[in-house]
């Protein structure tokens, strides 16, 4: 489990744990995006890129909240 206050050490460079959350949210988002492309109602939204950005932010927020 990712510690909320822990930093990631990459060859002596400390990277914020937010980067790990953002990468995890991106992986989840890409899976959900494919699922929505296959089964989801694409014509339901007027501005699909805006909905995708909002979905990514929601997933990122949930990851931060839950860990």
PDB file of N, CA and C in Angstrom:
ATOM      1  N   UNK A   1       0.848  -1.169   0.000  1.00  0.00           N
ATOM      2  CA  UNK A   1       0.000   0.000   0.000  1.00  0.00           C
ATOM      3  C   UNK A   1       0.894   1.232   0.000  1.00  0.00           C
ATOM      4  N   UNK A   2       0.454   2.266  -0.696  1.00  0.00           N
ATOM      5  CA  UNK A   2       1.228   3.500  -0.810  1.00  0.00           C
ATOM      6  C   UNK A   2       0.978   4.367   0.416  1.00  0.00           C
ATOM      7  N   UNK A   3       2.040   4.821   1.027  1.00  0.00           N
ATOM      8  CA  UNK A   3       1.938   5.702   2.185  1.00  0.00           C
ATOM      9  C   UNK A   3       1.697   7.126   1.695  1.00  0.00           C
ATOM     10  N   UNK A   4       0.753   7.813   2.308  1.00  0.00           N
ATOM     11  CA  UNK A   4       0.391   9.148   1.845  1.00  0.00           C
ATOM     12  C   UNK A   4       1.516  10.159   2.042  1.00  0.00           C
ATOM     13  N   UNK A   5       2.354   9.947   3.031  1.00  0.00           N
ATOM     14  CA  UNK A   5       3.420  10.908   3.287  1.00  0.00           C
ATOM     15  C   UNK A   5       4.777  10.403   2.811  1.00  0.00           C
ATOM     16  N   UNK A   6       4.835   9.256   2.175  1.00  0.00           N
ATOM     17  CA  UNK A   6       6.099   8.686   1.720  1.00  0.00           C
ATOM     18  C   UNK A   6       6.439   9.201   0.326  1.00  0.00           C
ATOM     19  N   UNK A   7       7.707   9.428   0.102  1.00  0.00           N
ATOM     20  CA  UNK A   7       8.175   9.819  -1.217  1.00  0.00           C
ATOM     21  C   UNK A   7       8.814   8.607  -1.884  1.00  0.00           C
ATOM     22  N   UNK A   8       8.841   8.616  -3.201  1.00  0.00           N
ATOM     23  CA  UNK A   8       9.448   7.546  -3.972  1.00  0.00           C
ATOM     24  C   UNK A   8      10.878   7.960  -4.272  1.00  0.00           C
ATOM     25  N   UNK A   9      11.834   7.093  -3.973  1.00  0.00           N
ATOM     26  CA  UNK A   9      13.243   7.385  -4.185  1.00  0.00           C
ATOM     27  C   UNK A   9      13.696   6.689  -5.465  1.00  0.00           C
ATOM     28  N   UNK A  10      14.067   7.482  -6.478  1.00  0.00           N
ATOM     29  CA  UNK A  10      14.556   6.949  -7.745  1.00  0.00           C
ATOM     30  C   UNK A  10      15.967   7.466  -7.958  1.00  0.00           C
ATOM     31  N   UNK A  11      16.946   6.631  -7.688  1.00  0.00           N
ATOM     32  CA  UNK A  11      18.366   6.987  -7.831  1.00  0.00           C
ATOM     33  C   UNK A  11      18.722   8.273  -7.107  1.00  0.00           C
ATOM     34  N   UNK A  12      18.210   8.432  -5.898  1.00  0.00           N
ATOM     35  CA  UNK A  12      18.526   9.592  -5.090  1.00  0.00           C
ATOM     36  C   UNK A  12      17.636  10.793  -5.328  1.00  0.00           C
ATOM     37  N   UNK A  13      16.720  10.692  -6.273  1.00  0.00           N
ATOM     38  CA  UNK A  13      15.796  11.782  -6.550  1.00  0.00           C
ATOM     39  C   UNK A  13      14.464  11.443  -5.901  1.00  0.00           C
ATOM     40  N   UNK A  14      14.006  12.305  -5.015  1.00  0.00           N
ATOM     41  CA  UNK A  14      12.732  12.061  -4.344  1.00  0.00           C
ATOM     42  C   UNK A  14      11.585  12.564  -5.211  1.00  0.00           C
ATOM     43  N   UNK A  15      10.651  11.677  -5.463  1.00  0.00           N
ATOM     44  CA  UNK A  15       9.476  12.004  -6.261  1.00  0.00           C
ATOM     45  C   UNK A  15       8.269  11.936  -5.338  1.00  0.00           C
ATOM     46  N   UNK A  16       7.411  12.910  -5.426  1.00  0.00           N
ATOM     47  CA  UNK A  16       6.230  12.987  -4.579  1.00  0.00           C
ATOM     48  C   UNK A  16       5.339  11.767  -4.791  1.00  0.00           C
ATOM     49  N   UNK A  17       4.634  11.366  -3.745  1.00  0.00           N
ATOM     50  CA  UNK A  17       3.734  10.227  -3.872  1.00  0.00           C
ATOM     51  C   UNK A  17       2.552  10.546  -4.786  1.00  0.00           C
ATOM     52  N   UNK A  18       2.306  11.835  -5.023  1.00  0.00           N
ATOM     53  CA  UNK A  18       1.249  12.239  -5.945  1.00  0.00           C
ATOM     54  C   UNK A  18       1.493  11.686  -7.348  1.00  0.00           C
ATOM     55  N   UNK A  19       2.759  11.580  -7.743  1.00  0.00           N
ATOM     56  CA  UNK A  19       3.096  11.050  -9.063  1.00  0.00           C
ATOM     57  C   UNK A  19       2.653   9.593  -9.166  1.00  0.00           C
ATOM     58  N   UNK A  20       2.830   8.836  -8.095  1.00  0.00           N
ATOM     59  CA  UNK A  20       2.367   7.456  -8.084  1.00  0.00           C
ATOM     60  C   UNK A  20       0.860   7.357  -8.186  1.00  0.00           C
ATOM     61  N   UNK A  21       0.161   8.234  -7.466  1.00  0.00           N
ATOM     62  CA  UNK A  21      -1.295   8.267  -7.552  1.00  0.00           C
ATOM     63  C   UNK A  21      -1.748   8.644  -8.961  1.00  0.00           C
ATOM     64  N   UNK A  22      -1.083   9.617  -9.568  1.00  0.00           N
ATOM     65  CA  UNK A  22      -1.447  10.052 -10.912  1.00  0.00           C
ATOM     66  C   UNK A  22      -1.227   8.932 -11.928  1.00  0.00           C
ATOM     67  N   UNK A  23      -0.138   8.174 -11.770  1.00  0.00           N
ATOM     68  CA  UNK A  23       0.118   7.054 -12.681  1.00  0.00           C
ATOM     69  C   UNK A  23      -0.919   5.951 -12.488  1.00  0.00           C
ATOM     70  N   UNK A  24      -1.267   5.667 -11.240  1.00  0.00           N
ATOM     71  CA  UNK A  24      -2.300   4.660 -10.977  1.00  0.00           C
ATOM     72  C   UNK A  24      -3.651   5.080 -11.524  1.00  0.00           C
ATOM     73  N   UNK A  25      -3.983   6.354 -11.370  1.00  0.00           N
ATOM     74  CA  UNK A  25      -5.249   6.867 -11.906  1.00  0.00           C
ATOM     75  C   UNK A  25      -5.255   6.806 -13.426  1.00  0.00           C
ATOM     76  N   UNK A  26      -4.107   7.061 -14.040  1.00  0.00           N
ATOM     77  CA  UNK A  26      -4.021   6.986 -15.495  1.00  0.00           C
ATOM     78  C   UNK A  26      -4.239   5.556 -15.976  1.00  0.00           C
ATOM     79  N   UNK A  27      -3.655   4.589 -15.284  1.00  0.00           N
ATOM     80  CA  UNK A  27      -3.845   3.185 -15.668  1.00  0.00           C
ATOM     81  C   UNK A  27      -5.315   2.779 -15.550  1.00  0.00           C
ATOM     82  N   UNK A  28      -5.948   3.145 -14.452  1.00  0.00           N
ATOM     83  CA  UNK A  28      -7.366   2.832 -14.266  1.00  0.00           C
ATOM     84  C   UNK A  28      -8.209   3.540 -15.316  1.00  0.00           C
ATOM     85  N   UNK A  29      -7.887   4.798 -15.593  1.00  0.00           N
ATOM     86  CA  UNK A  29      -8.635   5.575 -16.574  1.00  0.00           C
ATOM     87  C   UNK A  29      -8.535   4.973 -17.971  1.00  0.00           C
ATOM     88  N   UNK A  30      -7.345   4.522 -18.359  1.00  0.00           N
ATOM     89  CA  UNK A  30      -7.186   3.945 -19.693  1.00  0.00           C
ATOM     90  C   UNK A  30      -7.992   2.658 -19.843  1.00  0.00           C
ATOM     91  N   UNK A  31      -8.069   1.867 -18.784  1.00  0.00           N
ATOM     92  CA  UNK A  31      -8.889   0.653 -18.826  1.00  0.00           C
ATOM     93  C   UNK A  31     -10.363   1.017 -18.936  1.00  0.00           C
ATOM     94  N   UNK A  32     -10.808   1.974 -18.119  1.00  0.00           N
ATOM     95  CA  UNK A  32     -12.210   2.391 -18.177  1.00  0.00           C
ATOM     96  C   UNK A  32     -12.549   3.070 -19.502  1.00  0.00           C
ATOM     97  N   UNK A  33     -11.596   3.765 -20.073  1.00  0.00           N
ATOM     98  CA  UNK A  33     -11.829   4.432 -21.359  1.00  0.00           C
ATOM     99  C   UNK A  33     -12.098   3.416 -22.458  1.00  0.00           C
ATOM    100  N   UNK A  34     -11.309   2.334 -22.481  1.00  0.00           N
ATOM    101  CA  UNK A  34     -11.552   1.284 -23.467  1.00  0.00           C
ATOM    102  C   UNK A  34     -12.910   0.620 -23.250  1.00  0.00           C
ATOM    103  N   UNK A  35     -13.238   0.403 -21.999  1.00  0.00           N
ATOM    104  CA  UNK A  35     -14.521  -0.218 -21.686  1.00  0.00           C
ATOM    105  C   UNK A  35     -15.672   0.676 -22.156  1.00  0.00           C
ATOM    106  N   UNK A  36     -15.565   1.973 -21.931  1.00  0.00           N
ATOM    107  CA  UNK A  36     -16.605   2.890 -22.385  1.00  0.00           C
ATOM    108  C   UNK A  36     -16.655   2.991 -23.906  1.00  0.00           C
ATOM    109  N   UNK A  37     -15.517   2.859 -24.562  1.00  0.00           N
ATOM    110  CA  UNK A  37     -15.519   2.884 -26.029  1.00  0.00           C
ATOM    111  C   UNK A  37     -16.271   1.678 -26.594  1.00  0.00           C
ATOM    112  N   UNK A  38     -16.126   0.519 -25.920  1.00  0.00           N
ATOM    113  CA  UNK A  38     -16.799  -0.687 -26.397  1.00  0.00           C
ATOM    114  C   UNK A  38     -18.280  -0.713 -26.023  1.00  0.00           C
ATOM    115  N   UNK A  39     -18.601  -0.357 -24.784  1.00  0.00           N
ATOM    116  CA  UNK A  39     -19.956  -0.542 -24.278  1.00  0.00           C
ATOM    117  C   UNK A  39     -20.685   0.750 -23.932  1.00  0.00           C
ATOM    118  N   UNK A  40     -19.972   1.831 -23.813  1.00  0.00           N
ATOM    119  CA  UNK A  40     -20.571   3.061 -23.308  1.00  0.00           C
ATOM    120  C   UNK A  40     -21.294   3.874 -24.358  1.00  0.00           C
ATOM    121  N   UNK A  41     -22.124   4.750 -23.896  1.00  0.00           N
ATOM    122  CA  UNK A  41     -22.853   5.643 -24.815  1.00  0.00           C
ATOM    123  C   UNK A  41     -22.002   6.849 -25.201  1.00  0.00           C
ATOM    124  N   UNK A  42     -21.282   6.752 -26.307  1.00  0.00           N
ATOM    125  CA  UNK A  42     -20.407   7.853 -26.730  1.00  0.00           C
ATOM    126  C   UNK A  42     -21.203   9.077 -27.176  1.00  0.00           C
ATOM    127  N   UNK A  43     -22.357   8.883 -27.752  1.00  0.00           N
ATOM    128  CA  UNK A  43     -23.146   9.994 -28.246  1.00  0.00           C
ATOM    129  C   UNK A  43     -23.950  10.707 -27.179  1.00  0.00           C
ATOM    130  N   UNK A  44     -23.814  10.279 -25.938  1.00  0.00           N
ATOM    131  CA  UNK A  44     -24.597  10.859 -24.847  1.00  0.00           C
ATOM    132  C   UNK A  44     -24.054  12.221 -24.406  1.00  0.00           C
ATOM    133  N   UNK A  45     -22.767  12.452 -24.606  1.00  0.00           N
ATOM    134  CA  UNK A  45     -22.133  13.671 -24.109  1.00  0.00           C
ATOM    135  C   UNK A  45     -21.837  14.629 -25.256  1.00  0.00           C
ATOM    136  N   UNK A  46     -21.996  15.912 -24.985  1.00  0.00           N
ATOM    137  CA  UNK A  46     -21.727  16.929 -25.999  1.00  0.00           C
ATOM    138  C   UNK A  46     -20.226  17.123 -26.177  1.00  0.00           C
ATOM    139  N   UNK A  47     -19.472  17.059 -25.068  1.00  0.00           N
ATOM    140  CA  UNK A  47     -18.032  17.292 -25.103  1.00  0.00           C
ATOM    141  C   UNK A  47     -17.314  16.110 -24.430  1.00  0.00           C
ATOM    142  N   UNK A  48     -17.085  15.004 -25.172  1.00  0.00           N
ATOM    143  CA  UNK A  48     -16.461  13.820 -24.574  1.00  0.00           C
ATOM    144  C   UNK A  48     -15.083  14.050 -23.953  1.00  0.00           C
ATOM    145  N   UNK A  49     -14.183  14.889 -24.529  1.00  0.00           N
ATOM    146  CA  UNK A  49     -12.895  15.109 -23.862  1.00  0.00           C
ATOM    147  C   UNK A  49     -13.038  15.736 -22.473  1.00  0.00           C
ATOM    148  N   UNK A  50     -14.005  16.600 -22.311  1.00  0.00           N
ATOM    149  CA  UNK A  50     -14.237  17.205 -21.001  1.00  0.00           C
ATOM    150  C   UNK A  50     -14.724  16.159 -20.000  1.00  0.00           C
ATOM    151  N   UNK A  51     -15.567  15.259 -20.451  1.00  0.00           N
ATOM    152  CA  UNK A  51     -16.049  14.178 -19.581  1.00  0.00           C
ATOM    153  C   UNK A  51     -14.902  13.245 -19.215  1.00  0.00           C
ATOM    154  N   UNK A  52     -14.003  12.970 -20.152  1.00  0.00           N
ATOM    155  CA  UNK A  52     -12.851  12.116 -19.864  1.00  0.00           C
ATOM    156  C   UNK A  52     -11.915  12.782 -18.853  1.00  0.00           C
ATOM    157  N   UNK A  53     -11.700  14.069 -18.990  1.00  0.00           N
ATOM    158  CA  UNK A  53     -10.856  14.793 -18.027  1.00  0.00           C
ATOM    159  C   UNK A  53     -11.483  14.782 -16.641  1.00  0.00           C
ATOM    160  N   UNK A  54     -12.788  14.971 -16.583  1.00  0.00           N
ATOM    161  CA  UNK A  54     -13.479  14.943 -15.293  1.00  0.00           C
ATOM    162  C   UNK A  54     -13.425  13.554 -14.670  1.00  0.00           C
ATOM    163  N   UNK A  55     -13.541  12.518 -15.490  1.00  0.00           N
ATOM    164  CA  UNK A  55     -13.456  11.145 -14.981  1.00  0.00           C
ATOM    165  C   UNK A  55     -12.069  10.874 -14.410  1.00  0.00           C
ATOM    166  N   UNK A  56     -11.017  11.345 -15.098  1.00  0.00           N
ATOM    167  CA  UNK A  56      -9.656  11.167 -14.593  1.00  0.00           C
ATOM    168  C   UNK A  56      -9.461  11.873 -13.247  1.00  0.00           C
ATOM    169  N   UNK A  57      -9.966  13.081 -13.135  1.00  0.00           N
ATOM    170  CA  UNK A  57      -9.834  13.830 -11.881  1.00  0.00           C
ATOM    171  C   UNK A  57     -10.590  13.120 -10.761  1.00  0.00           C
ATOM    172  N   UNK A  58     -11.760  12.579 -11.066  1.00  0.00           N
ATOM    173  CA  UNK A  58     -12.528  11.844 -10.054  1.00  0.00           C
ATOM    174  C   UNK A  58     -11.801  10.589  -9.607  1.00  0.00           C
ATOM    175  N   UNK A  59     -11.225   9.849 -10.547  1.00  0.00           N
ATOM    176  CA  UNK A  59     -10.466   8.639 -10.196  1.00  0.00           C
ATOM    177  C   UNK A  59      -9.256   9.005  -9.358  1.00  0.00           C
ATOM    178  N   UNK A  60      -8.552  10.061  -9.738  1.00  0.00           N
ATOM    179  CA  UNK A  60      -7.386  10.516  -8.972  1.00  0.00           C
ATOM    180  C   UNK A  60      -7.788  10.916  -7.569  1.00  0.00           C
ATOM    181  N   UNK A  61      -8.873  11.657  -7.440  1.00  0.00           N
ATOM    182  CA  UNK A  61      -9.354  12.062  -6.126  1.00  0.00           C
ATOM    183  C   UNK A  61      -9.745  10.878  -5.262  1.00  0.00           C
ATOM    184  N   UNK A  62     -10.383   9.871  -5.874  1.00  0.00           N
ATOM    185  CA  UNK A  62     -10.759   8.679  -5.103  1.00  0.00           C
ATOM    186  C   UNK A  62      -9.528   7.905  -4.639  1.00  0.00           C
ATOM    187  N   UNK A  63      -8.514   7.809  -5.497  1.00  0.00           N
ATOM    188  CA  UNK A  63      -7.285   7.120  -5.080  1.00  0.00           C
ATOM    189  C   UNK A  63      -6.623   7.832  -3.908  1.00  0.00           C
ATOM    190  N   UNK A  64      -6.561   9.134  -3.967  1.00  0.00           N
ATOM    191  CA  UNK A  64      -5.954   9.895  -2.878  1.00  0.00           C
ATOM    192  C   UNK A  64      -6.777   9.769  -1.602  1.00  0.00           C
ATOM    193  N   UNK A  65      -8.080   9.810  -1.753  1.00  0.00           N
ATOM    194  CA  UNK A  65      -8.969   9.715  -0.588  1.00  0.00           C
ATOM    195  C   UNK A  65      -8.903   8.337   0.068  1.00  0.00           C
ATOM    196  N   UNK A  66      -8.835   7.289  -0.739  1.00  0.00           N
ATOM    197  CA  UNK A  66      -8.881   5.923  -0.197  1.00  0.00           C
ATOM    198  C   UNK A  66      -7.543   5.456   0.370  1.00  0.00           C
ATOM    199  N   UNK A  67      -6.418   6.058  -0.095  1.00  0.00           N
ATOM    200  CA  UNK A  67      -5.130   5.652   0.462  1.00  0.00           C
ATOM    201  C   UNK A  67      -4.578   6.798   1.216  1.00  0.00           C
TER     202      UNK A  67
END
